[in-house]
Amino acid sequence: MSTALSFATAPGEDGATVLTATGEIDMSNASEFRAALDGALSADGHGPVVVDLTGVGYIDSAGLAVLFPHLERVRLIAGELLFPVLTVVGLDDVTTLRT
């Protein structure tokens, strides 16, 4: 059983929309993650969306698959726990490590 997943969307300091996720992202809730990301991308028009994953303790391949189609518009922020996973799958080019 996974930890509950929650989202918050707010404007960032640089004007980009920030989608903050908290909990665990896996195949049981990847559709919720997709809907939240699609909503943030739609709300922001054509600008970048920052996806803050510092509050996410786990992400599986279903969660990662949500990100890949949007890499041209997404910037990721990850903590020390997720950063190695994002690096292994090649997302380190769009990921900033926040400690």
C-alpha atoms as a PDB file:
ATOM      1  CA  MET A   1       0.000   0.000   0.000  1.00  0.00           C
ATOM      2  CA  SER A   2       1.469   3.333  -1.009  1.00  0.00           C
ATOM      3  CA  THR A   3       1.574   6.577   0.895  1.00  0.00           C
ATOM      4  CA  ALA A   4      -1.165   9.025  -0.035  1.00  0.00           C
ATOM      5  CA  LEU A   5      -0.256  11.392  -2.841  1.00  0.00           C
ATOM      6  CA  SER A   6      -1.145  15.071  -2.766  1.00  0.00           C
ATOM      7  CA  PHE A   7      -0.471  18.033  -5.038  1.00  0.00           C
ATOM      8  CA  ALA A   8      -0.270  21.786  -4.758  1.00  0.00           C
ATOM      9  CA  THR A   9       0.137  24.250  -7.611  1.00  0.00           C
ATOM     10  CA  ALA A  10       1.463  27.771  -7.160  1.00  0.00           C
ATOM     11  CA  PRO A  11       3.299  30.417  -9.163  1.00  0.00           C
ATOM     12  CA  GLY A  12       7.073  30.249  -8.802  1.00  0.00           C
ATOM     13  CA  GLU A  13       9.430  33.139  -8.236  1.00  0.00           C
ATOM     14  CA  ASP A  14      10.475  33.135 -11.895  1.00  0.00           C
ATOM     15  CA  GLY A  15       6.868  33.100 -13.112  1.00  0.00           C
ATOM     16  CA  ALA A  16       6.788  29.391 -13.915  1.00  0.00           C
ATOM     17  CA  THR A  17       4.010  27.252 -12.485  1.00  0.00           C
ATOM     18  CA  VAL A  18       5.248  24.987  -9.682  1.00  0.00           C
ATOM     19  CA  LEU A  19       3.545  21.635  -9.157  1.00  0.00           C
ATOM     20  CA  THR A  20       4.544  20.197  -5.785  1.00  0.00           C
ATOM     21  CA  ALA A  21       3.918  16.511  -5.154  1.00  0.00           C
ATOM     22  CA  THR A  22       4.040  14.849  -1.745  1.00  0.00           C
ATOM     23  CA  GLY A  23       3.863  11.129  -1.025  1.00  0.00           C
ATOM     24  CA  GLU A  24       4.652   8.179  -3.285  1.00  0.00           C
ATOM     25  CA  ILE A  25       4.021   7.941  -7.023  1.00  0.00           C
ATOM     26  CA  ASP A  26       3.386   4.466  -8.372  1.00  0.00           C
ATOM     27  CA  MET A  27       1.093   2.640 -10.778  1.00  0.00           C
ATOM     28  CA  SER A  28      -1.826   2.959  -8.356  1.00  0.00           C
ATOM     29  CA  ASN A  29      -1.846   6.755  -8.598  1.00  0.00           C
ATOM     30  CA  ALA A  30       0.137   7.616 -11.742  1.00  0.00           C
ATOM     31  CA  SER A  31      -3.112   8.732 -13.391  1.00  0.00           C
ATOM     32  CA  GLU A  32      -3.574  11.305 -10.607  1.00  0.00           C
ATOM     33  CA  PHE A  33      -0.019  12.512 -11.193  1.00  0.00           C
ATOM     34  CA  ARG A  34      -0.720  12.729 -14.945  1.00  0.00           C
ATOM     35  CA  ALA A  35      -3.896  14.744 -14.343  1.00  0.00           C
ATOM     36  CA  ALA A  36      -2.104  17.144 -11.978  1.00  0.00           C
ATOM     37  CA  LEU A  37       0.781  17.629 -14.418  1.00  0.00           C
ATOM     38  CA  ASP A  38      -1.576  18.082 -17.379  1.00  0.00           C
ATOM     39  CA  GLY A  39      -3.499  20.675 -15.369  1.00  0.00           C
ATOM     40  CA  ALA A  40      -0.323  22.577 -14.496  1.00  0.00           C
ATOM     41  CA  LEU A  41       0.861  22.480 -18.109  1.00  0.00           C
ATOM     42  CA  SER A  42      -2.512  23.716 -19.349  1.00  0.00           C
ATOM     43  CA  ALA A  43      -2.689  26.492 -16.775  1.00  0.00           C
ATOM     44  CA  ASP A  44       0.765  27.738 -17.699  1.00  0.00           C
ATOM     45  CA  GLY A  45       0.152  27.911 -21.454  1.00  0.00           C
ATOM     46  CA  HIS A  46       3.521  27.527 -23.159  1.00  0.00           C
ATOM     47  CA  GLY A  47       5.922  28.277 -20.319  1.00  0.00           C
ATOM     48  CA  PRO A  48       7.910  25.811 -18.253  1.00  0.00           C
ATOM     49  CA  VAL A  49       6.424  23.937 -15.326  1.00  0.00           C
ATOM     50  CA  VAL A  50       8.559  23.109 -12.315  1.00  0.00           C
ATOM     51  CA  VAL A  51       7.717  19.736 -10.783  1.00  0.00           C
ATOM     52  CA  ASP A  52       8.908  19.714  -7.183  1.00  0.00           C
ATOM     53  CA  LEU A  53       9.449  16.113  -6.094  1.00  0.00           C
ATOM     54  CA  THR A  54      11.324  16.875  -2.866  1.00  0.00           C
ATOM     55  CA  GLY A  55       8.338  15.592  -0.887  1.00  0.00           C
ATOM     56  CA  VAL A  56       8.148  12.345  -2.863  1.00  0.00           C
ATOM     57  CA  GLY A  57       9.725   9.334  -1.192  1.00  0.00           C
ATOM     58  CA  TYR A  58       9.246   6.885  -4.055  1.00  0.00           C
ATOM     59  CA  ILE A  59       8.508   6.968  -7.776  1.00  0.00           C
ATOM     60  CA  ASP A  60       8.180   3.901 -10.002  1.00  0.00           C
ATOM     61  CA  SER A  61       8.267   3.487 -13.769  1.00  0.00           C
ATOM     62  CA  ALA A  62       4.588   4.433 -14.112  1.00  0.00           C
ATOM     63  CA  GLY A  63       5.307   7.766 -12.427  1.00  0.00           C
ATOM     64  CA  LEU A  64       8.415   8.333 -14.509  1.00  0.00           C
ATOM     65  CA  ALA A  65       6.451   7.581 -17.679  1.00  0.00           C
ATOM     66  CA  VAL A  66       4.189  10.534 -16.878  1.00  0.00           C
ATOM     67  CA  LEU A  67       7.175  12.895 -17.085  1.00  0.00           C
ATOM     68  CA  PHE A  68       8.844  11.775 -20.317  1.00  0.00           C
ATOM     69  CA  PRO A  69       6.320  13.168 -22.853  1.00  0.00           C
ATOM     70  CA  HIS A  70       6.681  16.639 -21.312  1.00  0.00           C
ATOM     71  CA  LEU A  71      10.433  16.976 -20.883  1.00  0.00           C
ATOM     72  CA  GLU A  72      10.633  19.987 -23.198  1.00  0.00           C
ATOM     73  CA  ARG A  73       8.476  21.975 -20.738  1.00  0.00           C
ATOM     74  CA  VAL A  74       9.274  20.400 -17.367  1.00  0.00           C
ATOM     75  CA  ARG A  75      12.011  21.184 -14.875  1.00  0.00           C
ATOM     76  CA  LEU A  76      12.324  18.772 -11.965  1.00  0.00           C
ATOM     77  CA  ILE A  77      13.454  19.412  -8.428  1.00  0.00           C
ATOM     78  CA  ALA A  78      14.361  16.334  -6.410  1.00  0.00           C
ATOM     79  CA  GLY A  79      15.805  15.569  -3.025  1.00  0.00           C
ATOM     80  CA  GLU A  80      18.707  13.270  -2.256  1.00  0.00           C
ATOM     81  CA  LEU A  81      16.451  10.208  -2.180  1.00  0.00           C
ATOM     82  CA  LEU A  82      15.058  10.525  -5.728  1.00  0.00           C
ATOM     83  CA  PHE A  83      17.969  12.229  -7.465  1.00  0.00           C
ATOM     84  CA  PRO A  84      19.886   8.964  -8.117  1.00  0.00           C
ATOM     85  CA  VAL A  85      16.777   7.352  -9.628  1.00  0.00           C
ATOM     86  CA  LEU A  86      16.193  10.327 -11.928  1.00  0.00           C
ATOM     87  CA  THR A  87      19.865  10.272 -12.921  1.00  0.00           C
ATOM     88  CA  VAL A  88      19.810   6.574 -13.799  1.00  0.00           C
ATOM     89  CA  VAL A  89      16.844   7.039 -16.149  1.00  0.00           C
ATOM     90  CA  GLY A  90      18.468  10.047 -17.826  1.00  0.00           C
ATOM     91  CA  LEU A  91      16.431  12.845 -16.272  1.00  0.00           C
ATOM     92  CA  ASP A  92      19.404  14.513 -14.606  1.00  0.00           C
ATOM     93  CA  ASP A  93      19.561  17.042 -17.458  1.00  0.00           C
ATOM     94  CA  VAL A  94      16.194  18.464 -16.384  1.00  0.00           C
ATOM     95  CA  THR A  95      16.593  17.864 -12.641  1.00  0.00           C
ATOM     96  CA  THR A  96      17.963  20.102  -9.923  1.00  0.00           C
ATOM     97  CA  LEU A  97      19.048  18.537  -6.654  1.00  0.00           C
ATOM     98  CA  ARG A  98      17.726  20.325  -3.591  1.00  0.00           C
ATOM     99  CA  THR A  99      19.066  19.281  -0.202  1.00  0.00           C
END
